[in-house]
PDB file of all heavy atoms in Angstrom:
ATOM      1  N   LYS A   1      77.107  62.930 164.186  1.00  0.00           N
ATOM      2  CA  LYS A   1      77.124  64.280 163.799  1.00  0.00           C
ATOM      3  C   LYS A   1      77.441  64.372 162.299  1.00  0.00           C
ATOM      4  O   LYS A   1      78.344  63.706 161.823  1.00  0.00           O
ATOM      5  CB  LYS A   1      78.150  65.101 164.608  1.00  0.00           C
ATOM      6  CG  LYS A   1      78.089  66.587 164.270  1.00  0.00           C
ATOM      7  CD  LYS A   1      79.192  67.360 164.990  1.00  0.00           C
ATOM      8  CE  LYS A   1      79.169  68.821 164.497  1.00  0.00           C
ATOM      9  NZ  LYS A   1      80.281  69.592 165.085  1.00  0.00           N
ATOM     10  N   ASN A   2      76.682  65.225 161.618  1.00  0.00           N
ATOM     11  CA  ASN A   2      76.870  65.317 160.158  1.00  0.00           C
ATOM     12  C   ASN A   2      78.069  66.220 159.867  1.00  0.00           C
ATOM     13  O   ASN A   2      77.897  67.387 159.418  1.00  0.00           O
ATOM     14  CB  ASN A   2      75.587  65.863 159.517  1.00  0.00           C
ATOM     15  CG  ASN A   2      75.677  65.906 157.981  1.00  0.00           C
ATOM     16  OD1 ASN A   2      76.383  65.147 157.369  1.00  0.00           O
ATOM     17  ND2 ASN A   2      74.929  66.850 157.397  1.00  0.00           N
ATOM     18  N   ASP A   3      79.257  65.694 160.021  1.00  0.00           N
ATOM     19  CA  ASP A   3      80.519  66.404 159.846  1.00  0.00           C
ATOM     20  C   ASP A   3      81.406  65.626 158.949  1.00  0.00           C
ATOM     21  O   ASP A   3      81.879  64.522 159.298  1.00  0.00           O
ATOM     22  CB  ASP A   3      81.145  66.681 161.208  1.00  0.00           C
ATOM     23  CG  ASP A   3      82.220  67.730 161.177  1.00  0.00           C
ATOM     24  OD1 ASP A   3      82.539  68.205 160.084  1.00  0.00           O
ATOM     25  OD2 ASP A   3      82.670  68.152 162.254  1.00  0.00           O
ATOM     26  N   HIS A   4      81.680  66.138 157.715  1.00  0.00           N
ATOM     27  CA  HIS A   4      82.485  65.385 156.721  1.00  0.00           C
ATOM     28  C   HIS A   4      81.883  64.127 156.236  1.00  0.00           C
ATOM     29  O   HIS A   4      82.540  63.301 155.686  1.00  0.00           O
ATOM     30  CB  HIS A   4      83.874  65.092 157.306  1.00  0.00           C
ATOM     31  CG  HIS A   4      84.773  66.271 157.469  1.00  0.00           C
ATOM     32  ND1 HIS A   4      84.552  67.265 158.442  1.00  0.00           N
ATOM     33  CD2 HIS A   4      85.928  66.644 156.832  1.00  0.00           C
ATOM     34  CE1 HIS A   4      85.509  68.172 158.352  1.00  0.00           C
ATOM     35  NE2 HIS A   4      86.342  67.836 157.409  1.00  0.00           N
ATOM     36  N   LEU A   5      80.574  64.006 156.412  1.00  0.00           N
ATOM     37  CA  LEU A   5      79.891  62.787 155.974  1.00  0.00           C
ATOM     38  C   LEU A   5      79.401  62.868 154.540  1.00  0.00           C
ATOM     39  O   LEU A   5      79.236  61.867 153.854  1.00  0.00           O
ATOM     40  CB  LEU A   5      78.688  62.472 156.853  1.00  0.00           C
ATOM     41  CG  LEU A   5      78.955  62.090 158.327  1.00  0.00           C
ATOM     42  CD1 LEU A   5      77.681  61.767 159.054  1.00  0.00           C
ATOM     43  CD2 LEU A   5      79.933  60.928 158.431  1.00  0.00           C
ATOM     44  N   GLY A   6      79.065  64.078 154.071  1.00  0.00           N
ATOM     45  CA  GLY A   6      78.500  64.229 152.735  1.00  0.00           C
ATOM     46  C   GLY A   6      77.023  64.208 152.634  1.00  0.00           C
ATOM     47  O   GLY A   6      76.456  64.132 151.542  1.00  0.00           O
ATOM     48  N   PHE A   7      76.325  64.261 153.803  1.00  0.00           N
ATOM     49  CA  PHE A   7      74.847  64.328 153.784  1.00  0.00           C
ATOM     50  C   PHE A   7      74.431  65.746 153.578  1.00  0.00           C
ATOM     51  O   PHE A   7      74.630  66.628 154.450  1.00  0.00           O
ATOM     52  CB  PHE A   7      74.255  63.785 155.071  1.00  0.00           C
ATOM     53  CG  PHE A   7      72.769  63.951 155.128  1.00  0.00           C
ATOM     54  CD1 PHE A   7      71.950  63.323 154.125  1.00  0.00           C
ATOM     55  CD2 PHE A   7      72.126  64.592 156.124  1.00  0.00           C
ATOM     56  CE1 PHE A   7      70.567  63.513 154.192  1.00  0.00           C
ATOM     57  CE2 PHE A   7      70.757  64.768 156.186  1.00  0.00           C
ATOM     58  CZ  PHE A   7      69.977  64.191 155.210  1.00  0.00           C
ATOM     59  N   GLU A   8      73.937  66.101 152.383  1.00  0.00           N
ATOM     60  CA  GLU A   8      73.611  67.465 152.004  1.00  0.00           C
ATOM     61  C   GLU A   8      72.273  67.491 151.304  1.00  0.00           C
ATOM     62  O   GLU A   8      71.920  66.594 150.608  1.00  0.00           O
ATOM     63  CB  GLU A   8      74.687  68.037 151.084  1.00  0.00           C
ATOM     64  CG  GLU A   8      76.081  68.043 151.661  1.00  0.00           C
ATOM     65  CD  GLU A   8      77.145  68.364 150.606  1.00  0.00           C
ATOM     66  OE1 GLU A   8      76.931  68.106 149.425  1.00  0.00           O
ATOM     67  OE2 GLU A   8      78.229  68.876 151.021  1.00  0.00           O
ATOM     68  N   ILE A   9      71.570  68.594 151.505  1.00  0.00           N
ATOM     69  CA  ILE A   9      70.289  68.857 150.802  1.00  0.00           C
ATOM     70  C   ILE A   9      70.436  70.129 150.037  1.00  0.00           C
ATOM     71  O   ILE A   9      70.684  71.210 150.615  1.00  0.00           O
ATOM     72  CB  ILE A   9      69.101  68.910 151.790  1.00  0.00           C
ATOM     73  CG1 ILE A   9      68.965  67.555 152.520  1.00  0.00           C
ATOM     74  CG2 ILE A   9      67.820  69.280 151.113  1.00  0.00           C
ATOM     75  CD1 ILE A   9      67.934  67.591 153.645  1.00  0.00           C
ATOM     76  N   ALA A  10      70.299  70.112 148.724  1.00  0.00           N
ATOM     77  CA  ALA A  10      70.411  71.257 147.884  1.00  0.00           C
ATOM     78  C   ALA A  10      69.160  72.142 148.012  1.00  0.00           C
ATOM     79  O   ALA A  10      68.029  71.624 148.069  1.00  0.00           O
ATOM     80  CB  ALA A  10      70.624  70.904 146.437  1.00  0.00           C
ATOM     81  N   TYR A  11      69.363  73.435 148.170  1.00  0.00           N
ATOM     82  CA  TYR A  11      68.228  74.331 148.223  1.00  0.00           C
ATOM     83  C   TYR A  11      68.570  75.654 147.483  1.00  0.00           C
ATOM     84  O   TYR A  11      69.786  75.908 147.222  1.00  0.00           O
ATOM     85  CB  TYR A  11      67.832  74.667 149.678  1.00  0.00           C
ATOM     86  CG  TYR A  11      68.805  75.521 150.438  1.00  0.00           C
ATOM     87  CD1 TYR A  11      68.545  76.880 150.661  1.00  0.00           C
ATOM     88  CD2 TYR A  11      69.981  74.994 150.955  1.00  0.00           C
ATOM     89  CE1 TYR A  11      69.461  77.677 151.391  1.00  0.00           C
ATOM     90  CE2 TYR A  11      70.872  75.770 151.680  1.00  0.00           C
ATOM     91  CZ  TYR A  11      70.568  77.109 151.878  1.00  0.00           C
ATOM     92  OH  TYR A  11      71.479  77.902 152.612  1.00  0.00           O
ATOM     93  N   ILE A  12      67.589  76.419 147.171  1.00  0.00           N
ATOM     94  CA  ILE A  12      67.823  77.662 146.430  1.00  0.00           C
ATOM     95  C   ILE A  12      67.439  78.834 147.238  1.00  0.00           C
ATOM     96  O   ILE A  12      66.311  78.898 147.805  1.00  0.00           O
ATOM     97  CB  ILE A  12      67.042  77.654 145.060  1.00  0.00           C
ATOM     98  CG1 ILE A  12      67.524  76.488 144.189  1.00  0.00           C
ATOM     99  CG2 ILE A  12      67.266  78.971 144.322  1.00  0.00           C
ATOM    100  CD1 ILE A  12      66.727  76.379 142.944  1.00  0.00           C
ATOM    101  N   HIS A  13      68.382  79.814 147.426  1.00  0.00           N
ATOM    102  CA  HIS A  13      68.099  80.979 148.221  1.00  0.00           C
ATOM    103  C   HIS A  13      68.797  82.189 147.594  1.00  0.00           C
ATOM    104  O   HIS A  13      69.964  82.076 147.184  1.00  0.00           O
ATOM    105  CB  HIS A  13      68.577  80.787 149.670  1.00  0.00           C
ATOM    106  CG  HIS A  13      68.232  81.984 150.575  1.00  0.00           C
ATOM    107  ND1 HIS A  13      69.226  82.869 150.982  1.00  0.00           N
ATOM    108  CD2 HIS A  13      67.099  82.448 151.057  1.00  0.00           C
ATOM    109  CE1 HIS A  13      68.650  83.759 151.755  1.00  0.00           C
ATOM    110  NE2 HIS A  13      67.347  83.519 151.810  1.00  0.00           N
ATOM    111  N   GLN A  14      68.108  83.289 147.448  1.00  0.00           N
ATOM    112  CA  GLN A  14      68.627  84.498 146.867  1.00  0.00           C
ATOM    113  C   GLN A  14      69.209  84.218 145.464  1.00  0.00           C
ATOM    114  O   GLN A  14      70.233  84.768 145.082  1.00  0.00           O
ATOM    115  CB  GLN A  14      69.707  85.112 147.762  1.00  0.00           C
ATOM    116  CG  GLN A  14      69.228  85.492 149.150  1.00  0.00           C
ATOM    117  CD  GLN A  14      68.293  86.690 149.163  1.00  0.00           C
ATOM    118  OE1 GLN A  14      68.258  87.453 148.191  1.00  0.00           O
ATOM    119  NE2 GLN A  14      67.572  86.899 150.193  1.00  0.00           N
ATOM    120  N   GLY A  15      68.545  83.355 144.705  1.00  0.00           N
ATOM    121  CA  GLY A  15      68.933  83.102 143.346  1.00  0.00           C
ATOM    122  C   GLY A  15      70.143  82.207 143.153  1.00  0.00           C
ATOM    123  O   GLY A  15      70.710  82.160 142.093  1.00  0.00           O
ATOM    124  N   ALA A  16      70.592  81.530 144.219  1.00  0.00           N
ATOM    125  CA  ALA A  16      71.779  80.641 144.059  1.00  0.00           C
ATOM    126  C   ALA A  16      71.468  79.285 144.734  1.00  0.00           C
ATOM    127  O   ALA A  16      70.786  79.273 145.766  1.00  0.00           O
ATOM    128  CB  ALA A  16      72.987  81.291 144.724  1.00  0.00           C
ATOM    129  N   VAL A  17      71.968  78.244 144.164  1.00  0.00           N
ATOM    130  CA  VAL A  17      71.852  76.897 144.763  1.00  0.00           C
ATOM    131  C   VAL A  17      72.928  76.741 145.843  1.00  0.00           C
ATOM    132  O   VAL A  17      74.097  77.037 145.681  1.00  0.00           O
ATOM    133  CB  VAL A  17      72.093  75.806 143.659  1.00  0.00           C
ATOM    134  CG1 VAL A  17      72.064  74.431 144.324  1.00  0.00           C
ATOM    135  CG2 VAL A  17      71.026  75.882 142.602  1.00  0.00           C
ATOM    136  N   ARG A  18      72.439  76.334 147.000  1.00  0.00           N
ATOM    137  CA  ARG A  18      73.326  76.147 148.151  1.00  0.00           C
ATOM    138  C   ARG A  18      73.153  74.772 148.739  1.00  0.00           C
ATOM    139  O   ARG A  18      72.265  74.025 148.337  1.00  0.00           O
ATOM    140  CB  ARG A  18      72.981  77.220 149.220  1.00  0.00           C
ATOM    141  CG  ARG A  18      73.045  78.659 148.683  1.00  0.00           C
ATOM    142  CD  ARG A  18      72.439  79.668 149.640  1.00  0.00           C
ATOM    143  NE  ARG A  18      72.206  80.955 149.025  1.00  0.00           N
ATOM    144  CZ  ARG A  18      73.024  81.967 149.097  1.00  0.00           C
ATOM    145  NH1 ARG A  18      74.180  81.828 149.806  1.00  0.00           N
ATOM    146  NH2 ARG A  18      72.752  83.110 148.537  1.00  0.00           N
ATOM    147  N   LYS A  19      74.001  74.435 149.698  1.00  0.00           N
ATOM    148  CA  LYS A  19      73.943  73.105 150.287  1.00  0.00           C
ATOM    149  C   LYS A  19      73.642  73.226 151.762  1.00  0.00           C
ATOM    150  O   LYS A  19      74.357  73.942 152.495  1.00  0.00           O
ATOM    151  CB  LYS A  19      75.271  72.410 150.108  1.00  0.00           C
ATOM    152  CG  LYS A  19      75.546  72.033 148.620  1.00  0.00           C
ATOM    153  CD  LYS A  19      76.869  71.334 148.465  1.00  0.00           C
ATOM    154  CE  LYS A  19      77.111  71.029 146.978  1.00  0.00           C
ATOM    155  NZ  LYS A  19      78.454  70.374 146.788  1.00  0.00           N
ATOM    156  N   TYR A  20      72.630  72.540 152.203  1.00  0.00           N
ATOM    157  CA  TYR A  20      72.207  72.514 153.591  1.00  0.00           C
ATOM    158  C   TYR A  20      72.692  71.241 154.246  1.00  0.00           C
ATOM    159  O   TYR A  20      72.407  70.141 153.768  1.00  0.00           O
ATOM    160  CB  TYR A  20      70.685  72.649 153.636  1.00  0.00           C
ATOM    161  CG  TYR A  20      70.029  72.454 154.975  1.00  0.00           C
ATOM    162  CD1 TYR A  20      70.615  72.855 156.172  1.00  0.00           C
ATOM    163  CD2 TYR A  20      68.778  71.800 155.086  1.00  0.00           C
ATOM    164  CE1 TYR A  20      70.016  72.669 157.374  1.00  0.00           C
ATOM    165  CE2 TYR A  20      68.170  71.598 156.259  1.00  0.00           C
ATOM    166  CZ  TYR A  20      68.769  72.027 157.437  1.00  0.00           C
ATOM    167  OH  TYR A  20      68.169  71.817 158.641  1.00  0.00           O
ATOM    168  N   ARG A  21      73.395  71.372 155.352  1.00  0.00           N
ATOM    169  CA  ARG A  21      73.937  70.175 156.060  1.00  0.00           C
ATOM    170  C   ARG A  21      73.383  70.185 157.462  1.00  0.00           C
ATOM    171  O   ARG A  21      73.874  70.828 158.386  1.00  0.00           O
ATOM    172  CB  ARG A  21      75.432  70.273 156.095  1.00  0.00           C
ATOM    173  CG  ARG A  21      76.086  70.335 154.729  1.00  0.00           C
ATOM    174  CD  ARG A  21      77.586  70.571 154.768  1.00  0.00           C
ATOM    175  NE  ARG A  21      78.182  70.697 153.437  1.00  0.00           N
ATOM    176  CZ  ARG A  21      78.325  71.805 152.719  1.00  0.00           C
ATOM    177  NH1 ARG A  21      77.829  72.927 153.207  1.00  0.00           N
ATOM    178  NH2 ARG A  21      78.812  71.771 151.523  1.00  0.00           N
ATOM    179  N   PRO A  22      72.262  69.431 157.665  1.00  0.00           N
ATOM    180  CA  PRO A  22      71.692  69.344 159.041  1.00  0.00           C
ATOM    181  C   PRO A  22      72.709  68.774 160.044  1.00  0.00           C
ATOM    182  O   PRO A  22      73.706  68.114 159.675  1.00  0.00           O
ATOM    183  CB  PRO A  22      70.539  68.348 158.815  1.00  0.00           C
ATOM    184  CG  PRO A  22      70.194  68.436 157.376  1.00  0.00           C
ATOM    185  CD  PRO A  22      71.521  68.670 156.687  1.00  0.00           C
ATOM    186  N   ASP A  23      72.474  69.038 161.321  1.00  0.00           N
ATOM    187  CA  ASP A  23      73.484  68.787 162.340  1.00  0.00           C
ATOM    188  C   ASP A  23      73.654  67.299 162.663  1.00  0.00           C
ATOM    189  O   ASP A  23      74.806  66.831 162.822  1.00  0.00           O
ATOM    190  CB  ASP A  23      73.145  69.592 163.610  1.00  0.00           C
ATOM    191  CG  ASP A  23      73.219  71.083 163.366  1.00  0.00           C
ATOM    192  OD1 ASP A  23      74.200  71.508 162.679  1.00  0.00           O
ATOM    193  OD2 ASP A  23      72.349  71.799 163.821  1.00  0.00           O
ATOM    194  N   PHE A  24      72.569  66.542 162.866  1.00  0.00           N
ATOM    195  CA  PHE A  24      72.676  65.176 163.362  1.00  0.00           C
ATOM    196  C   PHE A  24      71.764  64.257 162.548  1.00  0.00           C
ATOM    197  O   PHE A  24      70.662  64.635 162.105  1.00  0.00           O
ATOM    198  CB  PHE A  24      72.264  65.065 164.854  1.00  0.00           C
ATOM    199  CG  PHE A  24      73.187  65.824 165.758  1.00  0.00           C
ATOM    200  CD1 PHE A  24      72.857  67.120 166.197  1.00  0.00           C
ATOM    201  CD2 PHE A  24      74.350  65.257 166.198  1.00  0.00           C
ATOM    202  CE1 PHE A  24      73.704  67.813 167.087  1.00  0.00           C
ATOM    203  CE2 PHE A  24      75.192  65.932 167.072  1.00  0.00           C
ATOM    204  CZ  PHE A  24      74.850  67.223 167.510  1.00  0.00           C
ATOM    205  N   LEU A  25      72.223  63.011 162.405  1.00  0.00           N
ATOM    206  CA  LEU A  25      71.393  61.904 161.902  1.00  0.00           C
ATOM    207  C   LEU A  25      71.228  60.932 163.030  1.00  0.00           C
ATOM    208  O   LEU A  25      72.230  60.526 163.697  1.00  0.00           O
ATOM    209  CB  LEU A  25      72.066  61.242 160.727  1.00  0.00           C
ATOM    210  CG  LEU A  25      72.143  62.026 159.408  1.00  0.00           C
ATOM    211  CD1 LEU A  25      72.973  61.272 158.404  1.00  0.00           C
ATOM    212  CD2 LEU A  25      70.780  62.359 158.902  1.00  0.00           C
ATOM    213  N   VAL A  26      69.979  60.516 163.312  1.00  0.00           N
ATOM    214  CA  VAL A  26      69.665  59.689 164.447  1.00  0.00           C
ATOM    215  C   VAL A  26      68.825  58.469 164.041  1.00  0.00           C
ATOM    216  O   VAL A  26      67.835  58.672 163.283  1.00  0.00           O
ATOM    217  CB  VAL A  26      68.935  60.438 165.556  1.00  0.00           C
ATOM    218  CG1 VAL A  26      68.668  59.589 166.796  1.00  0.00           C
ATOM    219  CG2 VAL A  26      69.698  61.733 165.955  1.00  0.00           C
ATOM    220  N   ARG A  27      69.258  57.254 164.444  1.00  0.00           N
ATOM    221  CA  ARG A  27      68.419  56.110 164.192  1.00  0.00           C
ATOM    222  C   ARG A  27      67.805  55.724 165.516  1.00  0.00           C
ATOM    223  O   ARG A  27      68.490  55.463 166.533  1.00  0.00           O
ATOM    224  CB  ARG A  27      69.197  54.906 163.643  1.00  0.00           C
ATOM    225  CG  ARG A  27      68.306  53.708 163.319  1.00  0.00           C
ATOM    226  CD  ARG A  27      69.068  52.620 162.553  1.00  0.00           C
ATOM    227  NE  ARG A  27      70.006  51.899 163.403  1.00  0.00           N
ATOM    228  CZ  ARG A  27      71.308  51.886 163.197  1.00  0.00           C
ATOM    229  NH1 ARG A  27      71.833  52.511 162.192  1.00  0.00           N
ATOM    230  NH2 ARG A  27      72.092  51.173 164.007  1.00  0.00           N
TER     231      ARG A  27
END
């Protein structure tokens, strides 16, 4: 689960840069 891991994707919405943290990483 992507919790406190630091996996983030920067995106821009409503004129501001935000950080998107998807829920799970699966191999």
